[in-house]
Amino acid sequence: MSDSAAGHNHFSLLALISARLAKPLSFVHDDFLTLDTFDALKVRSLASHPAFENAINRAVCRKMALERDVATTEFLHALKIDSSLTRAARLALAPRPVLDDCARHVAAAKLHPQILKCIFRADKQRVRELLGEDAYMTATREAPAFHPNIPAIGHEVSLDLMLKPYTQPQTDAGENQDEAVIKPHSDSDNPAVILGLNLMLLYVRSAHHALGRLLELALPRAASENVVKPAPLSQEQRTSLGRLIDRKGALA
């Protein structure tokens, strides 16, 4: 990357960070959004009035300690000189739909040894419903060859337990094990998306705690809880996750 391109990228990231500090209501998830006795609904209702919008945003910024954690000379300098932070910064600042789509692929790589053991057609269909077709292909074709160390991150997560609450045998299916009723998922409650977001959060935190803070606040609380044990990532695991994120993240 040329110096001019790197400089442009740096200033673009700084602009996005500044926008989030100025208007935290634009990205902080409702799970983390409270002010005194006001819940997220009341906070957003107050902020919807033009007379209160700026004041509420400033109050939320103080409450979340964003300026203390993010707007530091150390972090801004590191972002300028350390090109390895660029991917993590783009990930931390990505729109939620982009994060959710990338999370499916990351979860697919984490779960791929278990997915490859699925034999019955109904089980494979349930996994497709959980991950989506593109991420299912990541699990069955790409991950075994290119991301073999991602399943070792943290403890093993049971694919069976992830599928069980969302599937049940048909009452009239008889002995046909290939028939099942599949409950659709939304990204907000899809356990594969939550798992992938958790792994992505581990990755971003390993790059810089300030970026981890920005991403954590943008996600549902479940994504920041220890779905995967927060053990330090090895260099090989970071490299593999970074390569997968580059291929599947569609980051600007």
C-alpha atoms as a PDB file:
ATOM      1  CA  MET A   1       0.000   0.000   0.000  1.00  0.00           C
ATOM      2  CA  SER A   2       1.386   3.422  -0.939  1.00  0.00           C
ATOM      3  CA  ASP A   3       1.948   6.103   1.688  1.00  0.00           C
ATOM      4  CA  SER A   4      -0.881   8.183   0.241  1.00  0.00           C
ATOM      5  CA  ALA A   5      -3.283   5.228   0.287  1.00  0.00           C
ATOM      6  CA  ALA A   6      -2.262   4.308   3.831  1.00  0.00           C
ATOM      7  CA  GLY A   7      -2.761   7.891   4.933  1.00  0.00           C
ATOM      8  CA  HIS A   8      -6.193   8.040   3.329  1.00  0.00           C
ATOM      9  CA  ASN A   9      -7.174   4.775   5.003  1.00  0.00           C
ATOM     10  CA  HIS A  10      -5.931   6.062   8.367  1.00  0.00           C
ATOM     11  CA  PHE A  11      -7.927   9.286   8.141  1.00  0.00           C
ATOM     12  CA  SER A  12     -11.021   7.380   6.992  1.00  0.00           C
ATOM     13  CA  LEU A  13     -10.827   5.181  10.087  1.00  0.00           C
ATOM     14  CA  LEU A  14     -10.303   8.223  12.312  1.00  0.00           C
ATOM     15  CA  ALA A  15     -13.371   9.867  10.769  1.00  0.00           C
ATOM     16  CA  LEU A  16     -15.489   6.778  11.489  1.00  0.00           C
ATOM     17  CA  ILE A  17     -14.234   6.591  15.068  1.00  0.00           C
ATOM     18  CA  SER A  18     -14.889  10.301  15.599  1.00  0.00           C
ATOM     19  CA  ALA A  19     -18.437   9.871  14.287  1.00  0.00           C
ATOM     20  CA  ARG A  20     -19.063   7.068  16.772  1.00  0.00           C
ATOM     21  CA  LEU A  21     -17.694   9.099  19.656  1.00  0.00           C
ATOM     22  CA  ALA A  22     -19.890  12.045  18.656  1.00  0.00           C
ATOM     23  CA  LYS A  23     -23.039   9.923  18.236  1.00  0.00           C
ATOM     24  CA  PRO A  24     -22.748   6.701  20.228  1.00  0.00           C
ATOM     25  CA  LEU A  25     -26.498   6.179  19.881  1.00  0.00           C
ATOM     26  CA  SER A  26     -25.811   5.386  16.232  1.00  0.00           C
ATOM     27  CA  PHE A  27     -23.983   2.169  17.134  1.00  0.00           C
ATOM     28  CA  VAL A  28     -24.337   1.161  20.808  1.00  0.00           C
ATOM     29  CA  HIS A  29     -26.568  -1.902  21.120  1.00  0.00           C
ATOM     30  CA  ASP A  30     -29.678  -1.601  23.273  1.00  0.00           C
ATOM     31  CA  ASP A  31     -28.321  -4.309  25.604  1.00  0.00           C
ATOM     32  CA  PHE A  32     -25.727  -1.796  26.832  1.00  0.00           C
ATOM     33  CA  LEU A  33     -27.757   1.384  26.527  1.00  0.00           C
ATOM     34  CA  THR A  34     -28.951   2.768  29.857  1.00  0.00           C
ATOM     35  CA  LEU A  35     -28.757   6.157  31.550  1.00  0.00           C
ATOM     36  CA  ASP A  36     -29.491   6.280  35.261  1.00  0.00           C
ATOM     37  CA  THR A  37     -32.989   4.762  35.543  1.00  0.00           C
ATOM     38  CA  PHE A  38     -33.752   5.068  31.824  1.00  0.00           C
ATOM     39  CA  ASP A  39     -33.682   1.923  29.686  1.00  0.00           C
ATOM     40  CA  ALA A  40     -32.724   1.868  26.005  1.00  0.00           C
ATOM     41  CA  LEU A  41     -36.259   2.622  24.804  1.00  0.00           C
ATOM     42  CA  LYS A  42     -36.537   5.743  26.965  1.00  0.00           C
ATOM     43  CA  VAL A  43     -33.019   6.905  26.088  1.00  0.00           C
ATOM     44  CA  ARG A  44     -33.715   6.653  22.364  1.00  0.00           C
ATOM     45  CA  SER A  45     -37.095   8.297  22.798  1.00  0.00           C
ATOM     46  CA  LEU A  46     -35.495  11.295  24.515  1.00  0.00           C
ATOM     47  CA  ALA A  47     -32.727  11.493  21.928  1.00  0.00           C
ATOM     48  CA  SER A  48     -35.258  11.529  19.098  1.00  0.00           C
ATOM     49  CA  HIS A  49     -36.142  15.083  20.139  1.00  0.00           C
ATOM     50  CA  PRO A  50     -33.709  17.518  18.428  1.00  0.00           C
ATOM     51  CA  ALA A  51     -33.382  19.571  21.605  1.00  0.00           C
ATOM     52  CA  PHE A  52     -32.003  16.600  23.541  1.00  0.00           C
ATOM     53  CA  GLU A  53     -30.127  14.616  20.882  1.00  0.00           C
ATOM     54  CA  ASN A  54     -26.652  16.098  21.395  1.00  0.00           C
ATOM     55  CA  ALA A  55     -26.916  16.132  25.176  1.00  0.00           C
ATOM     56  CA  ILE A  56     -28.042  12.491  25.306  1.00  0.00           C
ATOM     57  CA  ASN A  57     -25.220  11.432  22.986  1.00  0.00           C
ATOM     58  CA  ARG A  58     -22.661  13.220  25.174  1.00  0.00           C
ATOM     59  CA  ALA A  59     -24.115  11.581  28.279  1.00  0.00           C
ATOM     60  CA  VAL A  60     -23.941   8.136  26.698  1.00  0.00           C
ATOM     61  CA  CYS A  61     -20.338   8.755  25.622  1.00  0.00           C
ATOM     62  CA  ARG A  62     -19.416   9.621  29.221  1.00  0.00           C
ATOM     63  CA  LYS A  63     -21.365   6.674  30.626  1.00  0.00           C
ATOM     64  CA  MET A  64     -19.621   4.231  28.269  1.00  0.00           C
ATOM     65  CA  ALA A  65     -16.220   5.855  28.973  1.00  0.00           C
ATOM     66  CA  LEU A  66     -15.591   5.936  25.243  1.00  0.00           C
ATOM     67  CA  GLU A  67     -13.267   8.919  25.334  1.00  0.00           C
ATOM     68  CA  ARG A  68     -11.214   7.274  28.084  1.00  0.00           C
ATOM     69  CA  ASP A  69     -10.986   3.936  26.280  1.00  0.00           C
ATOM     70  CA  VAL A  70     -10.867   4.986  22.635  1.00  0.00           C
ATOM     71  CA  ALA A  71      -9.874   8.637  22.222  1.00  0.00           C
ATOM     72  CA  THR A  72      -6.380   8.132  23.624  1.00  0.00           C
ATOM     73  CA  THR A  73      -3.125   9.347  22.123  1.00  0.00           C
ATOM     74  CA  GLU A  74      -1.663   5.854  22.458  1.00  0.00           C
ATOM     75  CA  PHE A  75      -4.441   4.215  20.437  1.00  0.00           C
ATOM     76  CA  LEU A  76      -4.624   6.874  17.735  1.00  0.00           C
ATOM     77  CA  HIS A  77      -0.842   6.742  17.305  1.00  0.00           C
ATOM     78  CA  ALA A  78      -0.900   2.944  17.128  1.00  0.00           C
ATOM     79  CA  LEU A  79      -3.615   3.085  14.485  1.00  0.00           C
ATOM     80  CA  LYS A  80      -1.434   5.409  12.418  1.00  0.00           C
ATOM     81  CA  ILE A  81       1.797   3.387  12.513  1.00  0.00           C
ATOM     82  CA  ASP A  82       0.597  -0.230  12.846  1.00  0.00           C
ATOM     83  CA  SER A  83      -0.890  -1.527   9.610  1.00  0.00           C
ATOM     84  CA  SER A  84      -1.896  -4.790  11.313  1.00  0.00           C
ATOM     85  CA  LEU A  85      -4.589  -2.854  13.174  1.00  0.00           C
ATOM     86  CA  THR A  86      -6.321  -1.831   9.948  1.00  0.00           C
ATOM     87  CA  ARG A  87      -8.273  -5.061   9.453  1.00  0.00           C
ATOM     88  CA  ALA A  88      -9.369  -5.150  13.096  1.00  0.00           C
ATOM     89  CA  ALA A  89     -10.424  -1.493  12.916  1.00  0.00           C
ATOM     90  CA  ARG A  90     -12.462  -2.052   9.747  1.00  0.00           C
ATOM     91  CA  LEU A  91     -14.105  -5.031  11.403  1.00  0.00           C
ATOM     92  CA  ALA A  92     -14.877  -3.111  14.599  1.00  0.00           C
ATOM     93  CA  LEU A  93     -16.480  -0.315  12.571  1.00  0.00           C
ATOM     94  CA  ALA A  94     -18.368  -2.470  10.045  1.00  0.00           C
ATOM     95  CA  PRO A  95     -22.182  -2.292   9.734  1.00  0.00           C
ATOM     96  CA  ARG A  96     -24.060  -5.001  11.606  1.00  0.00           C
ATOM     97  CA  PRO A  97     -25.315  -6.860   8.483  1.00  0.00           C
ATOM     98  CA  VAL A  98     -21.703  -7.196   7.304  1.00  0.00           C
ATOM     99  CA  LEU A  99     -20.650  -8.463  10.737  1.00  0.00           C
ATOM    100  CA  ASP A 100     -23.478 -11.006  10.866  1.00  0.00           C
ATOM    101  CA  ASP A 101     -22.682 -12.379   7.419  1.00  0.00           C
ATOM    102  CA  CYS A 102     -18.987 -12.696   8.257  1.00  0.00           C
ATOM    103  CA  ALA A 103     -19.900 -14.315  11.602  1.00  0.00           C
ATOM    104  CA  ARG A 104     -21.658 -17.189   9.820  1.00  0.00           C
ATOM    105  CA  HIS A 105     -18.443 -18.052   7.977  1.00  0.00           C
ATOM    106  CA  VAL A 106     -16.318 -17.771  11.116  1.00  0.00           C
ATOM    107  CA  ALA A 107     -18.740 -20.043  13.001  1.00  0.00           C
ATOM    108  CA  ALA A 108     -18.668 -22.468  10.072  1.00  0.00           C
ATOM    109  CA  ALA A 109     -14.876 -22.685  10.317  1.00  0.00           C
ATOM    110  CA  LYS A 110     -15.067 -23.228  14.075  1.00  0.00           C
ATOM    111  CA  LEU A 111     -17.668 -25.997  13.735  1.00  0.00           C
ATOM    112  CA  HIS A 112     -16.413 -27.645  10.557  1.00  0.00           C
ATOM    113  CA  PRO A 113     -15.066 -30.883  12.112  1.00  0.00           C
ATOM    114  CA  GLN A 114     -18.496 -31.590  13.604  1.00  0.00           C
ATOM    115  CA  ILE A 115     -20.319 -30.550  10.432  1.00  0.00           C
ATOM    116  CA  LEU A 116     -18.261 -32.954   8.338  1.00  0.00           C
ATOM    117  CA  LYS A 117     -19.444 -35.799  10.579  1.00  0.00           C
ATOM    118  CA  CYS A 118     -23.117 -35.177   9.744  1.00  0.00           C
ATOM    119  CA  ILE A 119     -24.470 -38.196   7.852  1.00  0.00           C
ATOM    120  CA  PHE A 120     -28.235 -37.859   7.572  1.00  0.00           C
ATOM    121  CA  ARG A 121     -29.762 -35.539   5.013  1.00  0.00           C
ATOM    122  CA  ALA A 122     -31.959 -33.941   7.674  1.00  0.00           C
ATOM    123  CA  ASP A 123     -28.910 -33.086   9.808  1.00  0.00           C
ATOM    124  CA  LYS A 124     -27.168 -31.490   6.849  1.00  0.00           C
ATOM    125  CA  GLN A 125     -30.295 -29.486   6.053  1.00  0.00           C
ATOM    126  CA  ARG A 126     -30.478 -28.239   9.639  1.00  0.00           C
ATOM    127  CA  VAL A 127     -26.879 -27.072   9.433  1.00  0.00           C
ATOM    128  CA  ARG A 128     -27.621 -25.308   6.142  1.00  0.00           C
ATOM    129  CA  GLU A 129     -30.545 -23.558   7.822  1.00  0.00           C
ATOM    130  CA  LEU A 130     -28.336 -22.541  10.736  1.00  0.00           C
ATOM    131  CA  LEU A 131     -25.410 -21.233   8.679  1.00  0.00           C
ATOM    132  CA  GLY A 132     -26.825 -20.347   5.288  1.00  0.00           C
ATOM    133  CA  GLU A 133     -25.695 -22.019   2.070  1.00  0.00           C
ATOM    134  CA  ASP A 134     -22.535 -19.930   1.532  1.00  0.00           C
ATOM    135  CA  ALA A 135     -21.228 -20.517   5.049  1.00  0.00           C
ATOM    136  CA  TYR A 136     -22.120 -24.205   4.790  1.00  0.00           C
ATOM    137  CA  MET A 137     -19.792 -24.384   1.795  1.00  0.00           C
ATOM    138  CA  THR A 138     -17.106 -22.690   3.884  1.00  0.00           C
ATOM    139  CA  ALA A 139     -17.474 -25.431   6.495  1.00  0.00           C
ATOM    140  CA  THR A 140     -17.413 -28.343   4.074  1.00  0.00           C
ATOM    141  CA  ARG A 141     -14.958 -27.174   1.405  1.00  0.00           C
ATOM    142  CA  GLU A 142     -12.769 -24.263   2.500  1.00  0.00           C
ATOM    143  CA  ALA A 143     -12.249 -24.628   6.250  1.00  0.00           C
ATOM    144  CA  PRO A 144     -10.733 -28.142   6.275  1.00  0.00           C
ATOM    145  CA  ALA A 145      -7.981 -27.059   3.870  1.00  0.00           C
ATOM    146  CA  PHE A 146      -7.359 -23.433   4.806  1.00  0.00           C
ATOM    147  CA  HIS A 147      -8.534 -22.928   8.413  1.00  0.00           C
ATOM    148  CA  PRO A 148      -7.744 -26.152  10.297  1.00  0.00           C
ATOM    149  CA  ASN A 149      -6.664 -24.378  13.502  1.00  0.00           C
ATOM    150  CA  ILE A 150      -9.797 -22.281  14.066  1.00  0.00           C
ATOM    151  CA  PRO A 151     -11.754 -25.134  15.765  1.00  0.00           C
ATOM    152  CA  ALA A 152      -9.066 -25.216  18.483  1.00  0.00           C
ATOM    153  CA  ILE A 153      -9.818 -21.638  19.586  1.00  0.00           C
ATOM    154  CA  GLY A 154     -11.335 -21.868  23.067  1.00  0.00           C
ATOM    155  CA  HIS A 155     -13.310 -24.926  24.095  1.00  0.00           C
ATOM    156  CA  GLU A 156     -15.417 -27.101  21.818  1.00  0.00           C
ATOM    157  CA  VAL A 157     -18.912 -25.818  21.108  1.00  0.00           C
ATOM    158  CA  SER A 158     -21.551 -28.515  20.602  1.00  0.00           C
ATOM    159  CA  LEU A 159     -23.209 -28.370  17.189  1.00  0.00           C
ATOM    160  CA  ASP A 160     -25.942 -30.716  18.438  1.00  0.00           C
ATOM    161  CA  LEU A 161     -26.870 -28.326  21.247  1.00  0.00           C
ATOM    162  CA  MET A 162     -26.947 -25.407  18.832  1.00  0.00           C
ATOM    163  CA  LEU A 163     -29.351 -27.265  16.554  1.00  0.00           C
ATOM    164  CA  LYS A 164     -31.575 -28.985  19.124  1.00  0.00           C
ATOM    165  CA  PRO A 165     -33.759 -26.041  20.298  1.00  0.00           C
ATOM    166  CA  TYR A 166     -34.602 -25.141  16.701  1.00  0.00           C
ATOM    167  CA  THR A 167     -35.518 -28.531  15.224  1.00  0.00           C
ATOM    168  CA  GLN A 168     -37.946 -31.298  16.035  1.00  0.00           C
ATOM    169  CA  PRO A 169     -39.058 -34.483  14.275  1.00  0.00           C
ATOM    170  CA  GLN A 170     -42.297 -34.356  12.317  1.00  0.00           C
ATOM    171  CA  THR A 171     -45.127 -36.177  14.089  1.00  0.00           C
ATOM    172  CA  ASP A 172     -46.134 -37.944  10.876  1.00  0.00           C
ATOM    173  CA  ALA A 173     -42.644 -38.714   9.620  1.00  0.00           C
ATOM    174  CA  GLY A 174     -42.769 -42.301  10.836  1.00  0.00           C
ATOM    175  CA  GLU A 175     -39.342 -43.903  10.657  1.00  0.00           C
ATOM    176  CA  ASN A 176     -37.988 -41.538   8.039  1.00  0.00           C
ATOM    177  CA  GLN A 177     -35.061 -39.816   9.769  1.00  0.00           C
ATOM    178  CA  ASP A 178     -34.567 -37.459   6.835  1.00  0.00           C
ATOM    179  CA  GLU A 179     -37.714 -35.429   7.545  1.00  0.00           C
ATOM    180  CA  ALA A 180     -37.734 -32.640  10.094  1.00  0.00           C
ATOM    181  CA  VAL A 181     -39.434 -29.370  10.890  1.00  0.00           C
ATOM    182  CA  ILE A 182     -36.896 -26.541  10.715  1.00  0.00           C
ATOM    183  CA  LYS A 183     -37.536 -23.307  12.562  1.00  0.00           C
ATOM    184  CA  PRO A 184     -36.156 -20.270  10.702  1.00  0.00           C
ATOM    185  CA  HIS A 185     -33.558 -18.154  12.465  1.00  0.00           C
ATOM    186  CA  SER A 186     -33.161 -14.432  12.600  1.00  0.00           C
ATOM    187  CA  ASP A 187     -29.601 -13.181  13.021  1.00  0.00           C
ATOM    188  CA  SER A 188     -30.508 -11.764  16.424  1.00  0.00           C
ATOM    189  CA  ASP A 189     -31.053 -15.233  17.916  1.00  0.00           C
ATOM    190  CA  ASN A 190     -29.047 -17.441  15.570  1.00  0.00           C
ATOM    191  CA  PRO A 191     -26.509 -19.275  17.756  1.00  0.00           C
ATOM    192  CA  ALA A 192     -24.078 -19.617  14.845  1.00  0.00           C
ATOM    193  CA  VAL A 193     -24.072 -15.842  14.325  1.00  0.00           C
ATOM    194  CA  ILE A 194     -23.543 -15.291  18.057  1.00  0.00           C
ATOM    195  CA  LEU A 195     -20.667 -17.799  18.048  1.00  0.00           C
ATOM    196  CA  GLY A 196     -19.047 -16.139  15.043  1.00  0.00           C
ATOM    197  CA  LEU A 197     -19.417 -12.661  16.556  1.00  0.00           C
ATOM    198  CA  ASN A 198     -17.804 -13.936  19.762  1.00  0.00           C
ATOM    199  CA  LEU A 199     -14.790 -15.221  17.843  1.00  0.00           C
ATOM    200  CA  MET A 200     -14.535 -11.999  15.858  1.00  0.00           C
ATOM    201  CA  LEU A 201     -14.628 -10.034  19.096  1.00  0.00           C
ATOM    202  CA  LEU A 202     -11.749 -12.149  20.434  1.00  0.00           C
ATOM    203  CA  TYR A 203      -9.829 -11.343  17.264  1.00  0.00           C
ATOM    204  CA  VAL A 204     -10.441  -7.597  17.493  1.00  0.00           C
ATOM    205  CA  ARG A 205      -9.603  -7.501  21.209  1.00  0.00           C
ATOM    206  CA  SER A 206      -6.331  -9.288  20.484  1.00  0.00           C
ATOM    207  CA  ALA A 207      -5.432  -6.465  18.102  1.00  0.00           C
ATOM    208  CA  HIS A 208      -6.245  -3.591  20.492  1.00  0.00           C
ATOM    209  CA  HIS A 209      -8.475  -3.221  23.536  1.00  0.00           C
ATOM    210  CA  ALA A 210      -9.931   0.071  22.276  1.00  0.00           C
ATOM    211  CA  LEU A 211     -11.152  -1.562  19.073  1.00  0.00           C
ATOM    212  CA  GLY A 212     -12.537  -4.423  21.128  1.00  0.00           C
ATOM    213  CA  ARG A 213     -14.507  -1.930  23.194  1.00  0.00           C
ATOM    214  CA  LEU A 214     -16.036  -0.339  20.087  1.00  0.00           C
ATOM    215  CA  LEU A 215     -17.091  -3.694  18.679  1.00  0.00           C
ATOM    216  CA  GLU A 216     -18.350  -5.053  22.011  1.00  0.00           C
ATOM    217  CA  LEU A 217     -20.757  -2.139  22.464  1.00  0.00           C
ATOM    218  CA  ALA A 218     -22.117  -2.573  18.933  1.00  0.00           C
ATOM    219  CA  LEU A 219     -23.084  -6.213  19.489  1.00  0.00           C
ATOM    220  CA  PRO A 220     -25.751  -7.920  21.613  1.00  0.00           C
ATOM    221  CA  ARG A 221     -24.514  -8.791  25.095  1.00  0.00           C
ATOM    222  CA  ALA A 222     -24.627 -12.502  24.243  1.00  0.00           C
ATOM    223  CA  ALA A 223     -21.856 -11.980  21.700  1.00  0.00           C
ATOM    224  CA  SER A 224     -19.499 -10.588  24.354  1.00  0.00           C
ATOM    225  CA  GLU A 225     -20.169 -13.345  26.854  1.00  0.00           C
ATOM    226  CA  ASN A 226     -17.863 -16.327  26.881  1.00  0.00           C
ATOM    227  CA  VAL A 227     -19.399 -18.549  24.232  1.00  0.00           C
ATOM    228  CA  VAL A 228     -15.759 -19.389  23.541  1.00  0.00           C
ATOM    229  CA  LYS A 229     -13.274 -19.277  26.418  1.00  0.00           C
ATOM    230  CA  PRO A 230     -11.272 -16.027  25.972  1.00  0.00           C
ATOM    231  CA  ALA A 231      -7.840 -17.656  25.760  1.00  0.00           C
ATOM    232  CA  PRO A 232      -5.062 -15.750  23.968  1.00  0.00           C
ATOM    233  CA  LEU A 233      -4.998 -16.386  20.238  1.00  0.00           C
ATOM    234  CA  SER A 234      -1.850 -17.931  18.815  1.00  0.00           C
ATOM    235  CA  GLN A 235      -0.194 -16.188  15.889  1.00  0.00           C
ATOM    236  CA  GLU A 236      -1.367 -19.006  13.611  1.00  0.00           C
ATOM    237  CA  GLN A 237      -4.958 -18.640  14.810  1.00  0.00           C
ATOM    238  CA  ARG A 238      -4.873 -14.867  14.353  1.00  0.00           C
ATOM    239  CA  THR A 239      -3.476 -15.278  10.858  1.00  0.00           C
ATOM    240  CA  SER A 240      -6.099 -17.868   9.924  1.00  0.00           C
ATOM    241  CA  LEU A 241      -8.968 -15.797  11.334  1.00  0.00           C
ATOM    242  CA  GLY A 242      -7.640 -12.705   9.594  1.00  0.00           C
ATOM    243  CA  ARG A 243      -7.418 -14.527   6.277  1.00  0.00           C
ATOM    244  CA  LEU A 244     -10.973 -15.813   6.636  1.00  0.00           C
ATOM    245  CA  ILE A 245     -12.276 -12.354   7.570  1.00  0.00           C
ATOM    246  CA  ASP A 246     -10.530 -10.870   4.544  1.00  0.00           C
ATOM    247  CA  ARG A 247     -12.132 -13.446   2.252  1.00  0.00           C
ATOM    248  CA  LYS A 248     -15.632 -13.378   3.728  1.00  0.00           C
ATOM    249  CA  GLY A 249     -15.986 -10.055   5.536  1.00  0.00           C
ATOM    250  CA  ALA A 250     -16.653  -7.756   2.559  1.00  0.00           C
ATOM    251  CA  LEU A 251     -15.039  -4.942   4.568  1.00  0.00           C
ATOM    252  CA  ALA A 252     -14.641  -1.552   2.921  1.00  0.00           C
END
